[in-house]
Every structure is written in C-alpha cells, then in structure tokens.
Amino acid sequence: MNQYETVFILTPVLSDDQMKEAVEKFKGILTNNGAELINEELWGLKKLAYPIEKKSTGFYVLIEFKAEPTVIKTLEVNYRRDERVIRYITIKNEKYAAQYAEKRRNKKKEA
C-alpha cells in the first residue's frame, strides 16, 4: 500500500452541512475501496489564487490515506462527477514526504 494525500476544493455556495456531507462521501469512497484513512483536515473557506467557475473562494479539504494505486482512479472519477468539487489533486507521498506529514500531524496535535 502506498501513502497518498488528496486535496480538493468544494464550491463556496454549500452550507456547512452540505460541505461535511461531501467530505463524508469521499471518505466513504476511500474506505469502501480498502483505503486506510490516516488524517483529515478541513481547512475551511479560503480565497482562491484565481477565479474558478467565477468563484473567488472555496472550502479546502485535505485527506491523507494509504491505499492501492487502483483506488486513486476511482476517487478521481468521483471528483469529476461531483459538481460540488471545483478542483482536486492527489499525490503519492514518497518516504520523506510521508515522514514530514507525520511530523506535521504530531506538531499540530501538541499545539
């Protein structure tokens, strides 16, 4: 199993409940396909660097997980099909990125 990070941006017109429901949907897709969730961070409503679909803000969400490479395609197909997602990126963490992510999580827990 490889370690991955995915960050996606949800449209800002969603209510808080709708935003959380969308996050749960994607977490469910991961767990249903055998992924092990490591960390989830809701970064909240942030300003975008440039307008996307005439929107200047969006809800940012980070999910760290371990999964087989085949899960990524399923996840990204669901991102594309969901009209609430305006941007997404999924990256594979190599050894050093995984260590850094763990150190960052531990630092956040202490604070």
N, C-alpha and C. Protein backbone atom coordinates (compact mmCIF):
# COMPACT_ATOMS: atom_id res chain seq x y z
N MET A 1 0.84 -1.19 0.00
CA MET A 1 0.00 0.00 0.00
C MET A 1 0.88 1.25 0.00
N ASN A 2 0.48 2.21 -0.80
CA ASN A 2 1.19 3.48 -0.87
C ASN A 2 0.46 4.52 -0.03
N GLN A 3 1.20 5.54 0.38
CA GLN A 3 0.58 6.63 1.12
C GLN A 3 0.31 7.79 0.17
N TYR A 4 -0.91 8.34 0.25
CA TYR A 4 -1.33 9.42 -0.62
C TYR A 4 -1.89 10.58 0.19
N GLU A 5 -1.90 11.75 -0.45
CA GLU A 5 -2.59 12.94 0.06
C GLU A 5 -3.49 13.42 -1.06
N THR A 6 -4.70 13.77 -0.72
CA THR A 6 -5.58 14.39 -1.70
C THR A 6 -6.13 15.67 -1.11
N VAL A 7 -6.11 16.71 -1.91
CA VAL A 7 -6.69 18.00 -1.52
C VAL A 7 -7.74 18.32 -2.57
N PHE A 8 -8.93 18.67 -2.10
CA PHE A 8 -9.95 19.09 -3.05
C PHE A 8 -10.63 20.35 -2.54
N ILE A 9 -11.15 21.12 -3.49
CA ILE A 9 -11.80 22.39 -3.19
C ILE A 9 -13.27 22.25 -3.56
N LEU A 10 -14.12 22.54 -2.59
CA LEU A 10 -15.57 22.48 -2.81
C LEU A 10 -16.09 23.88 -3.06
N THR A 11 -17.15 23.97 -3.82
CA THR A 11 -17.76 25.25 -4.15
C THR A 11 -18.20 26.00 -2.88
N PRO A 12 -18.04 27.31 -2.83
CA PRO A 12 -18.35 28.06 -1.62
C PRO A 12 -19.84 28.26 -1.35
N VAL A 13 -20.71 27.90 -2.26
CA VAL A 13 -22.14 28.13 -2.06
C VAL A 13 -22.78 27.05 -1.19
N LEU A 14 -22.01 26.05 -0.78
CA LEU A 14 -22.55 24.98 0.07
C LEU A 14 -22.73 25.44 1.51
N SER A 15 -23.73 24.90 2.16
CA SER A 15 -23.87 25.14 3.60
C SER A 15 -22.85 24.28 4.33
N ASP A 16 -22.69 24.50 5.61
CA ASP A 16 -21.74 23.72 6.41
C ASP A 16 -22.09 22.23 6.38
N ASP A 17 -23.37 21.92 6.49
CA ASP A 17 -23.81 20.52 6.47
C ASP A 17 -23.56 19.87 5.12
N GLN A 18 -23.82 20.60 4.04
CA GLN A 18 -23.59 20.07 2.70
C GLN A 18 -22.10 19.82 2.46
N MET A 19 -21.26 20.71 2.98
CA MET A 19 -19.82 20.55 2.83
C MET A 19 -19.35 19.30 3.56
N LYS A 20 -19.82 19.10 4.79
CA LYS A 20 -19.43 17.93 5.57
C LYS A 20 -19.96 16.65 4.93
N GLU A 21 -21.15 16.71 4.34
CA GLU A 21 -21.70 15.54 3.66
C GLU A 21 -20.86 15.15 2.45
N ALA A 22 -20.35 16.15 1.72
CA ALA A 22 -19.48 15.88 0.57
C ALA A 22 -18.17 15.24 1.01
N VAL A 23 -17.61 15.73 2.12
CA VAL A 23 -16.36 15.16 2.65
C VAL A 23 -16.60 13.71 3.07
N GLU A 24 -17.71 13.45 3.73
CA GLU A 24 -18.04 12.08 4.16
C GLU A 24 -18.21 11.16 2.95
N LYS A 25 -18.76 11.68 1.88
CA LYS A 25 -18.93 10.89 0.66
C LYS A 25 -17.58 10.40 0.15
N PHE A 26 -16.60 11.30 0.07
CA PHE A 26 -15.29 10.93 -0.46
C PHE A 26 -14.52 10.03 0.51
N LYS A 27 -14.69 10.26 1.81
CA LYS A 27 -14.08 9.35 2.78
C LYS A 27 -14.69 7.96 2.65
N GLY A 28 -15.99 7.89 2.42
CA GLY A 28 -16.67 6.63 2.23
C GLY A 28 -16.18 5.89 1.00
N ILE A 29 -15.96 6.62 -0.08
CA ILE A 29 -15.43 6.01 -1.30
C ILE A 29 -14.07 5.37 -1.02
N LEU A 30 -13.24 6.09 -0.27
CA LEU A 30 -11.92 5.55 0.07
C LEU A 30 -12.02 4.29 0.91
N THR A 31 -12.79 4.36 2.00
CA THR A 31 -12.86 3.20 2.90
C THR A 31 -13.55 2.01 2.23
N ASN A 32 -14.54 2.26 1.38
CA ASN A 32 -15.22 1.17 0.67
C ASN A 32 -14.31 0.46 -0.31
N ASN A 33 -13.26 1.14 -0.76
CA ASN A 33 -12.31 0.54 -1.68
C ASN A 33 -11.05 0.04 -0.98
N GLY A 34 -11.09 -0.07 0.34
CA GLY A 34 -9.99 -0.68 1.08
C GLY A 34 -8.90 0.27 1.53
N ALA A 35 -9.13 1.57 1.44
CA ALA A 35 -8.11 2.53 1.88
C ALA A 35 -8.16 2.69 3.40
N GLU A 36 -7.02 3.00 3.97
CA GLU A 36 -6.91 3.25 5.41
C GLU A 36 -6.70 4.75 5.60
N LEU A 37 -7.68 5.43 6.20
CA LEU A 37 -7.58 6.87 6.41
C LEU A 37 -6.59 7.16 7.54
N ILE A 38 -5.69 8.10 7.29
CA ILE A 38 -4.68 8.47 8.28
C ILE A 38 -5.04 9.79 8.95
N ASN A 39 -5.43 10.76 8.14
CA ASN A 39 -5.66 12.10 8.66
C ASN A 39 -6.66 12.83 7.77
N GLU A 40 -7.43 13.71 8.38
CA GLU A 40 -8.37 14.56 7.64
C GLU A 40 -8.29 15.95 8.23
N GLU A 41 -8.18 16.95 7.37
CA GLU A 41 -8.14 18.33 7.84
C GLU A 41 -9.10 19.16 7.00
N LEU A 42 -9.99 19.86 7.67
CA LEU A 42 -10.88 20.81 7.00
C LEU A 42 -10.23 22.18 7.15
N TRP A 43 -9.70 22.70 6.06
CA TRP A 43 -9.01 23.99 6.13
C TRP A 43 -9.96 25.16 6.08
N GLY A 44 -11.21 24.91 5.74
CA GLY A 44 -12.21 25.97 5.75
C GLY A 44 -12.29 26.75 4.45
N LEU A 45 -13.00 27.85 4.51
CA LEU A 45 -13.23 28.70 3.35
C LEU A 45 -12.02 29.59 3.14
N LYS A 46 -11.38 29.47 2.00
CA LYS A 46 -10.18 30.25 1.70
C LYS A 46 -10.33 30.93 0.34
N LYS A 47 -9.58 32.00 0.18
CA LYS A 47 -9.57 32.73 -1.09
C LYS A 47 -8.74 31.95 -2.10
N LEU A 48 -9.24 31.84 -3.32
CA LEU A 48 -8.51 31.16 -4.39
C LEU A 48 -7.48 32.10 -5.00
N ALA A 49 -6.44 31.55 -5.56
CA ALA A 49 -5.40 32.36 -6.20
C ALA A 49 -5.95 33.04 -7.46
N TYR A 50 -6.88 32.39 -8.12
CA TYR A 50 -7.52 32.95 -9.31
C TYR A 50 -8.94 32.41 -9.37
N PRO A 51 -9.86 33.13 -10.02
CA PRO A 51 -11.25 32.67 -10.07
C PRO A 51 -11.38 31.35 -10.82
N ILE A 52 -12.20 30.45 -10.27
CA ILE A 52 -12.53 29.19 -10.92
C ILE A 52 -14.05 29.15 -11.02
N GLU A 53 -14.56 28.99 -12.23
CA GLU A 53 -16.01 28.99 -12.46
C GLU A 53 -16.67 30.24 -11.84
N LYS A 54 -16.02 31.37 -11.98
CA LYS A 54 -16.48 32.67 -11.47
C LYS A 54 -16.61 32.71 -9.94
N LYS A 55 -15.88 31.83 -9.26
CA LYS A 55 -15.88 31.82 -7.79
C LYS A 55 -14.49 32.22 -7.31
N SER A 56 -14.45 33.03 -6.26
CA SER A 56 -13.14 33.50 -5.77
C SER A 56 -12.75 32.85 -4.44
N THR A 57 -13.65 32.01 -3.87
CA THR A 57 -13.33 31.30 -2.63
C THR A 57 -13.78 29.84 -2.77
N GLY A 58 -13.33 29.02 -1.81
CA GLY A 58 -13.73 27.61 -1.82
C GLY A 58 -13.38 26.95 -0.50
N PHE A 59 -14.05 25.84 -0.20
CA PHE A 59 -13.76 25.06 1.00
C PHE A 59 -12.64 24.07 0.67
N TYR A 60 -11.53 24.18 1.38
CA TYR A 60 -10.38 23.29 1.16
C TYR A 60 -10.44 22.13 2.14
N VAL A 61 -10.15 20.91 1.63
CA VAL A 61 -10.15 19.70 2.45
C VAL A 61 -8.92 18.87 2.09
N LEU A 62 -8.21 18.39 3.11
CA LEU A 62 -7.06 17.50 2.92
C LEU A 62 -7.37 16.15 3.55
N ILE A 63 -7.11 15.08 2.83
CA ILE A 63 -7.26 13.73 3.38
C ILE A 63 -5.98 12.96 3.08
N GLU A 64 -5.38 12.38 4.11
CA GLU A 64 -4.21 11.52 3.95
C GLU A 64 -4.67 10.09 4.15
N PHE A 65 -4.18 9.18 3.30
CA PHE A 65 -4.63 7.79 3.37
C PHE A 65 -3.60 6.85 2.76
N LYS A 66 -3.74 5.58 3.10
CA LYS A 66 -2.93 4.52 2.49
C LYS A 66 -3.88 3.67 1.66
N ALA A 67 -3.46 3.37 0.42
CA ALA A 67 -4.33 2.60 -0.47
C ALA A 67 -3.52 1.98 -1.60
N GLU A 68 -4.18 1.09 -2.31
CA GLU A 68 -3.61 0.52 -3.52
C GLU A 68 -3.77 1.55 -4.64
N PRO A 69 -2.89 1.53 -5.63
CA PRO A 69 -2.96 2.52 -6.72
C PRO A 69 -4.27 2.53 -7.49
N THR A 70 -4.99 1.42 -7.53
CA THR A 70 -6.25 1.37 -8.29
C THR A 70 -7.34 2.23 -7.66
N VAL A 71 -7.23 2.52 -6.37
CA VAL A 71 -8.24 3.32 -5.67
C VAL A 71 -8.23 4.77 -6.17
N ILE A 72 -7.06 5.25 -6.58
CA ILE A 72 -6.93 6.65 -6.99
C ILE A 72 -7.82 6.95 -8.20
N LYS A 73 -7.82 6.05 -9.17
CA LYS A 73 -8.66 6.27 -10.35
C LYS A 73 -10.14 6.37 -9.97
N THR A 74 -10.59 5.49 -9.10
CA THR A 74 -11.99 5.51 -8.65
C THR A 74 -12.30 6.83 -7.95
N LEU A 75 -11.39 7.28 -7.08
CA LEU A 75 -11.59 8.52 -6.34
C LEU A 75 -11.68 9.71 -7.30
N GLU A 76 -10.77 9.79 -8.25
CA GLU A 76 -10.73 10.94 -9.14
C GLU A 76 -11.91 10.95 -10.12
N VAL A 77 -12.40 9.79 -10.50
CA VAL A 77 -13.62 9.74 -11.34
C VAL A 77 -14.79 10.33 -10.56
N ASN A 78 -14.87 10.01 -9.27
CA ASN A 78 -15.95 10.56 -8.45
C ASN A 78 -15.78 12.06 -8.23
N TYR A 79 -14.54 12.55 -8.13
CA TYR A 79 -14.32 14.01 -8.06
C TYR A 79 -14.88 14.67 -9.32
N ARG A 80 -14.56 14.11 -10.49
CA ARG A 80 -15.00 14.70 -11.75
C ARG A 80 -16.53 14.69 -11.89
N ARG A 81 -17.17 13.68 -11.37
CA ARG A 81 -18.63 13.55 -11.50
C ARG A 81 -19.39 14.45 -10.53
N ASP A 82 -18.75 14.85 -9.45
CA ASP A 82 -19.43 15.63 -8.41
C ASP A 82 -19.31 17.12 -8.74
N GLU A 83 -20.44 17.77 -8.96
CA GLU A 83 -20.42 19.18 -9.35
C GLU A 83 -20.00 20.11 -8.21
N ARG A 84 -19.96 19.60 -6.97
CA ARG A 84 -19.53 20.42 -5.83
C ARG A 84 -18.02 20.62 -5.80
N VAL A 85 -17.26 19.74 -6.45
CA VAL A 85 -15.80 19.81 -6.46
C VAL A 85 -15.36 20.68 -7.63
N ILE A 86 -14.62 21.77 -7.32
CA ILE A 86 -14.17 22.64 -8.40
C ILE A 86 -12.70 22.38 -8.77
N ARG A 87 -11.89 21.84 -7.86
CA ARG A 87 -10.52 21.44 -8.15
C ARG A 87 -10.12 20.32 -7.20
N TYR A 88 -9.17 19.48 -7.65
CA TYR A 88 -8.64 18.42 -6.79
C TYR A 88 -7.24 18.06 -7.25
N ILE A 89 -6.48 17.49 -6.35
CA ILE A 89 -5.18 16.93 -6.68
C ILE A 89 -4.90 15.79 -5.70
N THR A 90 -4.34 14.71 -6.22
CA THR A 90 -3.96 13.57 -5.40
C THR A 90 -2.51 13.26 -5.71
N ILE A 91 -1.69 13.18 -4.66
CA ILE A 91 -0.27 12.88 -4.87
C ILE A 91 0.14 11.69 -4.02
N LYS A 92 1.12 10.97 -4.52
CA LYS A 92 1.69 9.85 -3.79
C LYS A 92 2.86 10.38 -2.98
N ASN A 93 2.86 10.10 -1.68
CA ASN A 93 3.95 10.54 -0.82
C ASN A 93 5.07 9.52 -0.85
N GLU A 94 6.27 9.96 -1.21
CA GLU A 94 7.40 9.07 -1.08
C GLU A 94 7.83 9.06 0.38
N LYS A 95 8.85 8.34 0.70
CA LYS A 95 9.25 8.10 2.09
C LYS A 95 9.42 9.40 2.88
N TYR A 96 10.13 10.38 2.31
CA TYR A 96 10.42 11.60 3.05
C TYR A 96 9.19 12.49 3.23
N ALA A 97 8.32 12.52 2.23
CA ALA A 97 7.09 13.30 2.34
C ALA A 97 6.18 12.69 3.40
N ALA A 98 6.15 11.36 3.48
CA ALA A 98 5.34 10.68 4.49
C ALA A 98 5.87 10.98 5.89
N GLN A 99 7.20 11.01 6.05
CA GLN A 99 7.79 11.36 7.35
C GLN A 99 7.47 12.80 7.72
N TYR A 100 7.55 13.70 6.75
CA TYR A 100 7.24 15.10 7.02
C TYR A 100 5.78 15.26 7.41
N ALA A 101 4.88 14.57 6.72
CA ALA A 101 3.45 14.66 7.02
C ALA A 101 3.18 14.16 8.43
N GLU A 102 3.85 13.09 8.83
CA GLU A 102 3.67 12.56 10.19
C GLU A 102 4.18 13.55 11.22
N LYS A 103 5.31 14.17 10.95
CA LYS A 103 5.88 15.16 11.87
C LYS A 103 4.94 16.36 12.00
N ARG A 104 4.37 16.79 10.87
CA ARG A 104 3.43 17.92 10.87
C ARG A 104 2.18 17.59 11.67
N ARG A 105 1.65 16.37 11.51
CA ARG A 105 0.47 15.96 12.29
C ARG A 105 0.76 15.95 13.78
N ASN A 106 1.92 15.42 14.15
CA ASN A 106 2.28 15.36 15.57
C ASN A 106 2.46 16.75 16.16
N LYS A 107 3.05 17.66 15.39
CA LYS A 107 3.24 19.04 15.86
C LYS A 107 1.88 19.71 16.06
N LYS A 108 0.95 19.42 15.15
CA LYS A 108 -0.39 20.01 15.24
C LYS A 108 -1.14 19.49 16.48
N LYS A 109 -0.96 18.22 16.81
CA LYS A 109 -1.62 17.63 17.97
C LYS A 109 -1.10 18.25 19.27
N GLU A 110 0.21 18.55 19.31
CA GLU A 110 0.81 19.13 20.51
C GLU A 110 0.33 20.55 20.76
N ALA A 111 0.09 21.28 19.69
CA ALA A 111 -0.29 22.70 19.80
C ALA A 111 -1.70 22.90 20.25
